[in-house]
Protein backbone atom coordinates (compact mmCIF):
# COMPACT_ATOMS: atom_id res chain seq x y z
CA MET A 1 118.83 118.55 149.38
CA ARG A 2 115.29 118.79 149.73
CA PRO A 3 112.90 118.96 146.84
CA LYS A 4 111.29 122.71 145.96
CA PHE A 5 108.16 123.82 144.99
CA SER A 6 109.30 127.52 144.06
CA GLY A 7 107.18 129.10 141.61
CA LEU A 8 104.12 126.25 141.79
CA PHE A 9 102.84 127.26 145.33
CA LEU A 10 102.81 130.42 143.92
CA LEU A 11 100.36 129.62 141.07
CA LEU A 12 98.21 127.49 143.56
CA SER A 13 97.77 130.30 145.46
CA PHE A 14 96.84 132.47 142.39
CA LEU A 15 93.73 129.16 141.68
CA ILE A 16 91.85 129.92 144.62
CA PHE A 17 90.46 132.82 142.92
CA VAL A 18 90.26 130.92 139.24
CA PRO A 19 87.12 129.45 138.46
CA THR A 20 85.95 126.44 139.19
CA SER A 21 85.04 125.52 135.40
CA PHE A 22 88.51 126.56 133.92
CA ALA A 23 90.13 124.48 136.63
CA GLN A 24 88.00 121.44 135.31
CA THR A 25 89.11 122.28 131.35
CA ASP A 26 93.07 122.50 132.15
CA PRO A 27 94.86 119.23 133.72
CA LYS A 28 98.45 121.35 134.74
CA LEU A 29 95.94 123.74 136.89
CA LEU A 30 93.95 120.63 138.39
CA ALA A 31 97.62 118.79 138.91
CA LEU A 32 98.23 122.57 141.30
CA LYS A 33 95.06 121.97 142.92
CA ALA A 34 95.71 118.41 143.39
CA ILE A 35 98.21 118.98 145.98
CA SER A 36 97.06 122.08 148.08
CA GLU A 37 96.88 121.96 151.57
CA ASN A 38 92.61 121.92 151.23
CA SER A 39 92.25 118.55 151.58
CA ALA A 40 88.81 118.93 150.07
CA GLU A 41 90.02 121.16 147.13
CA SER A 42 92.97 118.44 146.11
CA ALA A 43 90.60 115.57 146.64
CA ALA A 44 87.95 117.16 143.79
CA ALA A 45 91.15 117.69 141.80
CA ILE A 46 92.47 114.31 142.24
CA ALA A 47 89.16 112.68 141.45
CA GLU A 48 88.76 115.27 138.08
CA LEU A 49 92.36 114.15 136.73
CA ARG A 50 91.56 110.41 137.75
CA ALA A 51 88.32 110.72 135.74
CA GLN A 52 90.49 111.97 132.81
CA GLY A 53 92.62 108.16 131.97
CA ALA A 54 96.44 108.47 131.63
CA ALA A 55 96.26 111.99 130.51
CA GLY A 56 95.10 112.94 133.70
CA LEU A 57 98.45 111.04 135.42
CA GLU A 58 100.62 112.38 133.04
CA ALA A 59 99.56 115.88 133.73
CA LEU A 60 101.05 115.27 137.44
CA PHE A 61 103.75 113.74 136.00
CA GLN A 62 104.38 116.78 133.30
CA THR A 63 104.11 119.31 136.68
CA PHE A 64 105.70 117.86 139.13
CA ALA A 65 108.92 116.59 136.87
CA VAL A 66 111.70 117.82 138.55
CA GLU A 67 109.91 116.62 142.08
CA ILE A 68 109.32 113.40 140.85
CA ASN A 69 113.28 112.84 139.63
CA GLU A 70 114.21 114.26 142.49
CA GLN A 71 112.80 111.48 144.82
CA ILE A 72 113.92 108.62 142.03
CA SER A 73 117.36 110.06 141.45
CA ASN A 74 117.96 109.87 145.57
CA PRO A 75 115.52 107.60 147.23
CA LEU A 76 116.76 108.52 151.03
CA VAL A 77 116.13 112.11 151.34
CA GLU A 78 113.51 112.45 153.80
CA PRO A 79 110.01 113.35 152.27
CA THR A 80 108.36 116.32 152.80
CA LEU A 81 104.20 117.46 154.01
CA GLN A 82 104.33 118.91 150.21
CA TRP A 83 105.90 115.28 148.32
CA GLN A 84 103.83 113.38 150.65
CA ARG A 85 100.39 115.59 149.19
CA LEU A 86 101.63 114.73 145.85
CA SER A 87 102.96 111.29 146.59
CA ALA A 88 98.79 111.23 147.78
CA ALA A 89 97.85 112.44 144.33
CA LEU A 90 99.35 110.90 142.00
CA ASP A 91 98.38 107.63 143.92
CA GLY A 92 95.14 108.01 143.69
CA VAL A 93 95.06 109.06 140.26
CA SER A 94 96.70 105.69 139.25
CA GLN A 95 95.40 104.23 141.85
CA GLN A 96 98.71 102.52 142.60
CA LYS A 97 100.70 102.82 145.62
CA ASP A 98 104.30 104.41 144.92
CA SER A 99 103.42 105.60 141.30
CA TYR A 100 105.83 107.95 141.39
CA LEU A 101 108.54 104.97 139.43
CA SER A 102 105.82 103.89 137.63
CA GLY A 103 104.43 105.78 136.29
CA LEU A 104 100.91 103.46 135.32
CA TYR A 105 97.22 104.40 135.63
CA TRP A 106 95.35 101.45 135.90
CA TYR A 107 91.73 101.32 135.80
CA THR A 108 88.57 99.45 138.14
CA ASP A 109 85.78 99.19 136.22
CA PHE A 110 85.72 96.57 134.10
CA SER A 111 83.93 97.97 131.34
CA GLN A 112 85.54 100.89 131.34
CA ALA A 113 89.48 98.97 130.60
CA LYS A 114 87.41 97.14 128.07
CA LYS A 115 86.17 100.16 126.36
CA ALA A 116 89.73 101.38 126.48
CA ALA A 117 91.16 98.06 124.79
CA ARG A 118 89.20 98.35 122.43
CA ALA A 119 89.87 102.17 121.24
CA ALA A 120 93.86 101.01 121.48
CA ASP A 121 93.70 98.17 120.10
CA LYS A 122 96.22 96.65 122.73
CA PRO A 123 95.09 93.94 125.21
CA ILE A 124 94.17 94.13 128.76
CA LEU A 125 96.85 93.12 131.52
CA SER A 126 94.06 92.40 134.41
CA LEU A 127 95.37 91.83 138.19
CA ARG A 128 93.65 90.13 140.90
CA LEU A 129 94.72 90.68 144.54
CA LEU A 130 94.17 90.60 148.40
CA GLY A 131 93.83 93.57 149.15
CA LYS A 132 93.91 96.56 147.37
CA LEU A 133 96.72 97.64 145.19
CA SER A 134 96.74 100.86 145.83
CA GLU A 135 97.46 100.63 149.69
CA GLU A 136 100.03 100.01 151.55
CA TYR A 137 98.50 96.47 152.96
CA SER A 138 97.78 94.69 149.83
CA CYS A 139 98.36 91.01 149.35
CA ALA A 140 102.77 90.49 149.69
CA ASN A 141 102.88 89.60 146.22
CA SER A 142 101.01 92.74 145.06
CA ARG A 143 103.62 94.15 147.03
CA PHE A 144 106.59 93.12 145.63
CA PHE A 145 104.56 93.75 142.13
CA ARG A 146 105.11 96.96 142.92
CA THR A 147 108.75 97.71 143.89
CA ILE A 148 110.34 94.23 141.58
CA LEU A 149 107.63 94.80 138.61
CA TYR A 150 105.51 98.06 138.25
CA SER A 151 108.82 99.99 139.55
CA ASN A 152 111.36 98.49 136.82
CA ALA A 153 111.45 101.05 134.33
CA GLU A 154 111.68 98.59 131.27
CA VAL A 155 108.65 96.35 132.93
CA SER A 156 106.81 99.96 133.06
CA SER A 157 107.87 101.20 129.84
CA THR A 158 106.12 97.82 128.23
CA LEU A 159 102.94 98.34 130.42
CA ARG A 160 102.24 101.83 129.53
CA GLU A 161 103.13 101.51 125.58
CA LYS A 162 101.53 98.19 125.09
CA PHE A 163 98.71 97.09 127.32
CA ILE A 164 95.56 98.87 129.04
CA LEU A 165 95.68 97.78 133.26
CA TYR A 166 92.85 96.82 135.07
CA TRP A 167 92.92 95.44 138.99
CA GLU A 168 89.89 93.91 140.94
CA SER A 169 90.20 92.98 144.61
CA GLU A 170 89.60 89.11 145.50
CA ARG A 171 88.62 90.23 149.31
CA SER A 172 90.25 92.07 152.04
CA VAL A 173 93.53 91.05 152.72
CA PRO A 174 94.25 89.13 156.97
CA ARG A 175 96.52 91.42 158.82
CA VAL A 176 97.93 90.53 161.94
CA THR A 177 99.45 92.99 164.40
CA VAL A 178 102.14 91.78 167.31
CA ASP A 179 102.54 93.56 170.43
CA PHE A 180 105.44 93.41 172.11
CA GLY A 181 104.31 94.91 175.59
CA ASP A 182 107.08 98.02 175.14
CA GLY A 183 105.64 99.97 172.69
CA ARG A 184 106.52 98.35 169.83
CA LYS A 185 104.40 96.37 167.34
CA LEU A 186 105.24 94.68 163.89
CA GLU A 187 102.30 94.20 161.59
CA ARG A 188 102.06 91.56 158.69
CA THR A 189 99.62 90.47 155.90
CA LEU A 190 98.80 86.73 155.98
CA THR A 191 98.01 84.58 153.15
CA GLY A 192 96.92 85.46 150.19
CA ASN A 193 98.11 85.42 146.58
CA SER A 194 97.77 87.51 143.08
CA ILE A 195 98.00 86.60 139.66
CA HIS A 196 98.07 88.57 135.94
CA TYR A 197 95.57 88.03 133.63
CA ILE A 198 96.37 88.99 129.96
CA LEU A 199 93.05 89.66 128.11
CA ASP A 200 91.77 90.34 124.85
CA SER A 201 89.59 93.40 124.53
CA GLY A 202 86.59 91.72 124.95
CA GLY A 203 87.85 90.37 128.49
CA ARG A 204 88.09 86.99 126.99
CA VAL A 205 92.08 85.04 128.83
CA ILE A 206 95.40 84.73 126.08
CA ASP A 207 97.40 83.75 128.99
CA ALA A 208 98.05 83.88 133.11
CA LEU A 209 100.89 84.53 134.96
CA PRO A 210 100.25 83.17 138.64
CA GLY A 211 102.61 84.66 141.26
CA LEU A 212 105.63 86.70 141.53
CA TYR A 213 107.69 86.31 138.88
CA GLY A 214 111.45 87.98 138.13
CA PRO A 215 111.24 91.57 136.14
CA GLY A 216 113.35 89.48 133.47
CA ALA A 217 111.10 86.59 133.14
CA PHE A 218 108.43 89.21 133.69
CA LEU A 219 109.37 90.95 130.23
CA ARG A 220 109.44 88.21 128.31
CA SER A 221 106.35 87.20 128.74
CA LEU A 222 104.17 89.93 128.85
CA ASN A 223 106.12 90.31 125.11
CA GLN A 224 105.15 86.71 123.95
CA MET A 225 101.65 87.19 125.63
CA GLU A 226 101.56 90.46 123.29
CA ARG A 227 102.63 89.20 120.21
CA SER A 228 99.89 86.13 120.30
CA PHE A 229 97.27 89.18 121.05
CA LYS A 230 98.17 90.62 117.83
CA GLN A 231 98.82 87.24 115.89
CA SER A 232 94.69 86.30 117.38
CA ALA A 233 93.55 89.31 115.97
CA GLN A 234 95.09 88.55 112.61
CA SER A 235 94.56 84.57 112.66
CA GLN A 236 91.73 82.78 110.65
CA ASN A 237 92.42 79.91 113.38
CA THR A 238 89.14 79.47 114.96
CA ARG A 239 91.10 78.58 118.21
CA PRO A 240 94.39 80.48 118.24
CA VAL A 241 94.53 80.63 122.12
CA ALA A 242 94.84 77.03 121.89
CA SER A 243 97.54 77.06 119.56
CA TYR A 244 99.24 79.15 121.94
CA SER A 245 98.66 77.90 124.87
CA ARG A 246 99.89 74.47 123.37
CA ALA A 247 102.97 75.94 122.01
CA ARG A 248 103.60 77.44 125.22
CA LEU A 249 103.26 74.95 127.19
CA ASN A 250 105.43 72.25 125.35
CA ALA A 251 107.82 74.76 125.33
CA ILE A 252 107.77 75.33 129.37
CA ASP A 253 108.02 71.52 129.68
CA VAL A 254 111.20 71.30 127.49
CA GLY A 255 112.56 73.42 129.55
CA TRP A 256 111.89 72.86 132.86
CA TYR A 257 113.22 69.03 131.50
CA THR A 258 116.31 70.60 129.76
CA ASP A 259 116.81 72.94 133.34
CA ILE A 260 116.40 69.15 135.20
CA GLN A 261 119.53 67.61 132.75
CA LYS A 262 121.86 70.76 133.89
CA THR A 263 121.61 70.26 137.18
CA GLY A 264 122.21 66.20 137.14
CA GLY A 265 118.81 65.26 138.00
CA LYS A 266 117.46 61.50 136.31
CA ILE A 267 114.56 62.27 134.06
CA PRO A 268 111.61 60.27 135.03
CA VAL A 269 111.12 57.02 132.98
CA GLY A 270 107.69 58.35 132.80
CA LEU A 271 108.73 61.53 129.75
CA VAL A 272 110.16 60.89 126.55
CA VAL A 273 111.32 63.40 123.89
CA VAL A 274 108.69 63.23 120.99
CA GLU A 275 111.49 65.25 118.76
CA GLN A 276 114.76 67.42 118.74
CA ASN A 277 116.63 69.00 116.35
CA VAL A 278 119.70 68.14 114.87
CA GLU A 279 122.12 68.75 117.69
CA GLY A 280 119.95 66.86 119.90
CA THR A 281 118.52 69.08 122.32
CA PRO A 282 115.04 68.48 123.07
CA THR A 283 111.78 70.41 121.21
CA ALA A 284 108.83 68.90 122.67
CA VAL A 285 108.63 66.23 125.46
CA ALA A 286 105.21 63.80 126.70
CA ALA A 287 104.48 61.62 129.06
CA ALA A 288 105.42 58.30 127.75
CA ARG A 289 102.46 56.25 128.62
CA TYR A 290 100.38 58.33 126.10
CA ALA A 291 103.05 59.50 123.12
CA MET A 292 104.22 55.71 122.66
CA THR A 293 100.92 54.17 121.67
CA LYS A 294 100.65 52.58 118.70
CA ILE A 295 98.16 54.48 117.08
CA VAL A 296 98.99 58.34 118.87
CA THR A 297 95.94 60.20 117.84
CA GLU A 298 95.31 63.84 118.46
CA ALA A 299 93.43 63.56 121.55
CA ASN A 300 96.80 61.06 123.17
CA LEU A 301 98.91 63.90 122.13
CA LEU A 302 97.26 66.30 123.78
CA ARG A 303 97.07 64.67 127.26
CA SER A 304 101.01 63.71 126.83
CA ILE A 305 101.66 67.12 127.31
CA ILE A 306 99.30 68.47 129.98
CA GLU A 307 100.33 65.34 131.47
CA ALA A 308 104.60 65.79 131.13
CA PRO A 309 104.32 68.24 134.12
CA ALA A 310 103.75 66.21 136.66
CA ALA A 311 106.09 63.90 135.86
CA LEU A 312 108.71 65.89 135.98
CA ALA A 313 107.44 67.60 139.74
CA THR A 314 107.84 63.97 140.59
CA ILE A 315 111.66 64.28 140.23
CA THR A 316 111.88 67.88 141.05
CA ASP A 317 112.66 67.95 145.02
CA GLN A 318 113.61 71.13 146.71
CA ASP A 319 117.73 70.76 146.48
CA THR A 320 116.70 70.24 142.45
CA TRP A 321 114.89 73.04 142.57
CA ASN A 322 116.93 75.58 144.18
CA LYS A 323 119.79 74.31 141.24
CA ILE A 324 117.26 75.55 138.46
CA ALA A 325 117.17 78.73 140.19
CA GLN A 326 120.18 79.37 140.02
CA LEU A 327 120.10 78.75 135.89
CA HIS A 328 117.71 81.54 135.97
CA ILE A 329 119.14 83.74 138.95
CA ALA A 330 119.86 86.92 135.80
CA ASP A 331 115.65 86.59 135.50
CA ALA A 332 115.38 87.73 138.79
CA LYS A 333 117.65 91.39 139.04
CA LEU A 334 116.03 93.80 140.13
CA ASP A 335 117.10 97.88 138.82
CA ALA A 336 118.32 101.44 140.38
CA ARG A 337 114.83 101.91 140.65
CA SER A 338 113.41 98.95 142.17
CA ILE A 339 116.50 98.53 144.82
CA GLY A 340 116.22 102.97 145.41
CA LEU A 341 112.50 101.40 146.22
CA ILE A 342 113.02 99.37 148.61
CA ARG A 343 116.09 101.06 150.41
CA ARG A 344 113.70 104.07 150.91
CA GLN A 345 111.55 101.50 152.44
CA THR A 346 113.88 99.62 154.30
CA ARG A 347 116.09 103.28 155.63
CA LYS A 348 113.99 102.30 159.15
CA ALA A 349 114.08 99.00 159.35
CA LEU A 350 117.57 97.74 158.97
CA SER A 351 118.92 99.56 162.16
CA ALA A 352 115.38 98.58 163.97
CA ASP A 353 117.44 96.74 166.52
CA GLY A 354 119.81 99.24 167.69
CA SER A 355 122.39 98.05 166.20
CA SER A 356 125.71 99.81 164.96
CA LYS A 357 125.55 97.20 161.95
CA ASN A 358 127.25 98.25 158.79
CA ASP A 359 123.63 99.42 156.46
CA ASP A 360 125.10 99.25 153.48
CA LYS A 361 126.20 95.65 153.69
CA THR A 362 123.37 94.27 155.20
CA PHE A 363 121.43 95.95 152.68
CA ALA A 364 123.65 94.32 150.33
CA ALA A 365 122.87 90.67 151.40
CA LEU A 366 119.01 91.89 151.49
CA ILE A 367 119.05 92.15 148.25
CA GLN A 368 121.38 89.13 147.18
CA ARG A 369 118.49 87.15 149.72
CA LEU A 370 115.40 89.24 147.78
CA GLN A 371 117.16 88.04 144.78
CA GLN A 372 117.36 84.42 145.16
CA SER A 373 113.85 84.27 146.29
CA VAL A 374 112.72 86.29 143.56
CA ALA A 375 114.26 83.19 141.03
CA LEU A 376 113.15 80.22 143.18
CA ASP A 377 109.10 81.72 143.08
CA THR A 378 109.54 82.30 139.13
CA VAL A 379 111.02 78.65 137.83
CA ARG A 380 108.34 76.95 140.81
CA ASN A 381 105.17 79.65 139.42
CA GLU A 382 106.16 78.88 135.73
CA TYR A 383 106.77 75.35 136.12
CA LEU A 384 104.38 73.88 138.57
CA LEU A 385 101.43 76.78 138.53
CA HIS A 386 101.40 78.18 134.70
CA THR A 387 101.52 74.87 132.85
CA LYS A 388 97.95 73.94 135.06
CA ILE A 389 96.68 76.98 134.08
CA TYR A 390 97.61 76.16 130.06
CA GLY A 391 96.43 72.07 130.98
CA TRP A 392 93.62 73.44 132.35
CA GLN A 393 92.65 75.73 129.42
CA LEU A 394 93.49 73.32 126.90
CA ALA A 395 91.48 70.81 128.21
CA ASP A 396 88.22 72.58 129.01
CA LYS A 397 88.34 75.50 126.77
CA GLU A 398 88.42 77.81 129.06
CA SER A 399 89.00 81.78 128.68
CA ASP A 400 86.21 83.21 131.03
CA VAL A 401 88.13 84.63 133.65
CA ASN A 402 86.68 84.78 136.60
CA LYS A 403 85.44 81.35 135.97
CA LEU A 404 89.01 80.29 135.42
CA ASN A 405 90.29 82.95 138.55
CA LYS A 406 87.56 81.33 140.47
CA ARG A 407 89.68 77.68 139.85
CA VAL A 408 93.21 79.26 140.20
CA TYR A 409 92.65 80.94 144.30
CA ALA A 410 91.08 77.30 144.89
CA GLU A 411 93.12 74.43 143.36
CA LEU A 412 96.28 76.83 143.07
CA PHE A 413 96.43 79.03 145.70
CA LEU A 414 94.50 77.28 147.98
CA THR A 415 92.13 80.29 149.51
CA PRO A 416 88.46 78.95 148.00
CA ALA A 417 86.16 82.04 148.03
CA SER A 418 84.05 79.38 149.76
CA ASP A 419 86.32 79.90 153.24
CA PRO A 420 86.08 82.75 155.19
CA TRP A 421 88.82 82.72 157.02
CA LEU A 422 91.33 81.67 154.14
CA GLY A 423 93.00 78.36 155.63
CA LEU A 424 93.57 80.43 158.98
CA PHE A 425 90.45 78.94 161.40
CA ALA A 426 89.73 74.98 161.32
CA PRO A 427 86.91 75.07 164.14
CA GLU A 428 88.01 70.84 164.48
CA VAL A 429 92.22 72.67 166.02
CA TYR A 430 91.56 73.51 169.57
CA THR A 431 93.22 76.72 170.33
CA ALA A 432 92.69 76.70 174.61
CA LEU A 433 91.13 80.21 173.97
CA GLU A 434 87.48 81.21 174.51
CA GLY A 435 85.42 81.04 171.13
CA GLY A 436 89.67 80.40 169.85
CA GLY A 437 90.15 82.95 169.40
CA LEU A 438 87.87 84.70 167.09
CA SER A 439 85.53 88.35 167.02
CA ARG A 440 83.27 89.72 164.96
CA LYS A 441 82.08 93.43 164.64
């Protein structure tokens, strides 16, 4: 069944005769104009709805609730030209591709995001990515965010209710096209990573989530960070974020330590249990060379907590990572909305090789492999990368998001701003191509 726009289009035709000033003051009339076949008219209406903020996006969702719900409940329905115009209007107002599932409004001006955060007394979720969140070919992680996280019903609800959203592009994302010479082409993006920062209303860093996390882990972290934001606002502690970072780093150390034990791994000699509960379960672990000194100072304890992840990393090989990921597979479970979007995106790809294989069986296998991959990304990003960010925050007391982000891209993601080629080209490597295969516009 194809979605129908019934009487809405009759009303839209009437709007041609409505004075512009009237349309600009009524969100519903603007919503109708936003899907006009007249591109100039629709562009003007989309810009006006965008300027109205989240209320402008909500006007589109309320006006076209039936059409949007039809697409969500039937992901394989063939999109009509009318739906394509509506989808483009939603994405233009929200500044996020596939926003019909998430309903998220993203600021792209940092000063406006901070102003909104102060007015709403909410933290800012700031996404840094390669490319643009509103475009199909943003970097791979940001595409997974749209599919796995922002489309998730519970995650999107939490983001709408508890955060002000802002994204910023680090740089353009590299794209490559493989031409098979027979009319077939394959286009992909190369390299690039993304990170979510949680900021207070002044733009200072509270926490960060580097790379891809499963919906369960992402949601749990969002709620922890939002609670920290509220506690910081009420606390008399001069460094509440530092206290939070230390507690979270210790919790991750303990979680990693416990996971290694569960998978049958051996705990490195450089690590010791500092505290445990009555059941004997560790509540604090630390690097032995600092924690076991005769005079345990506050500085030594801090260094021991920061260095504990390095000791754990030395004995976590790929096989152990895979086993740990299976312990957290529930965090990677996709909901119906995400699966529906993936089914829509892959419906043509599943039969691209011309085979007559069972698409349902192939799709189920695809989802299973994806969830396993997301679970692995989640634990590696949490244990290897997140711990380093906490260490930087504690050691350097860094709360400036731009300074921290520069370090993240240089030292964690290994794509520093100083390398214009993002590691894809090295002049000392011979390629047997004229000019190394480089060209400039």
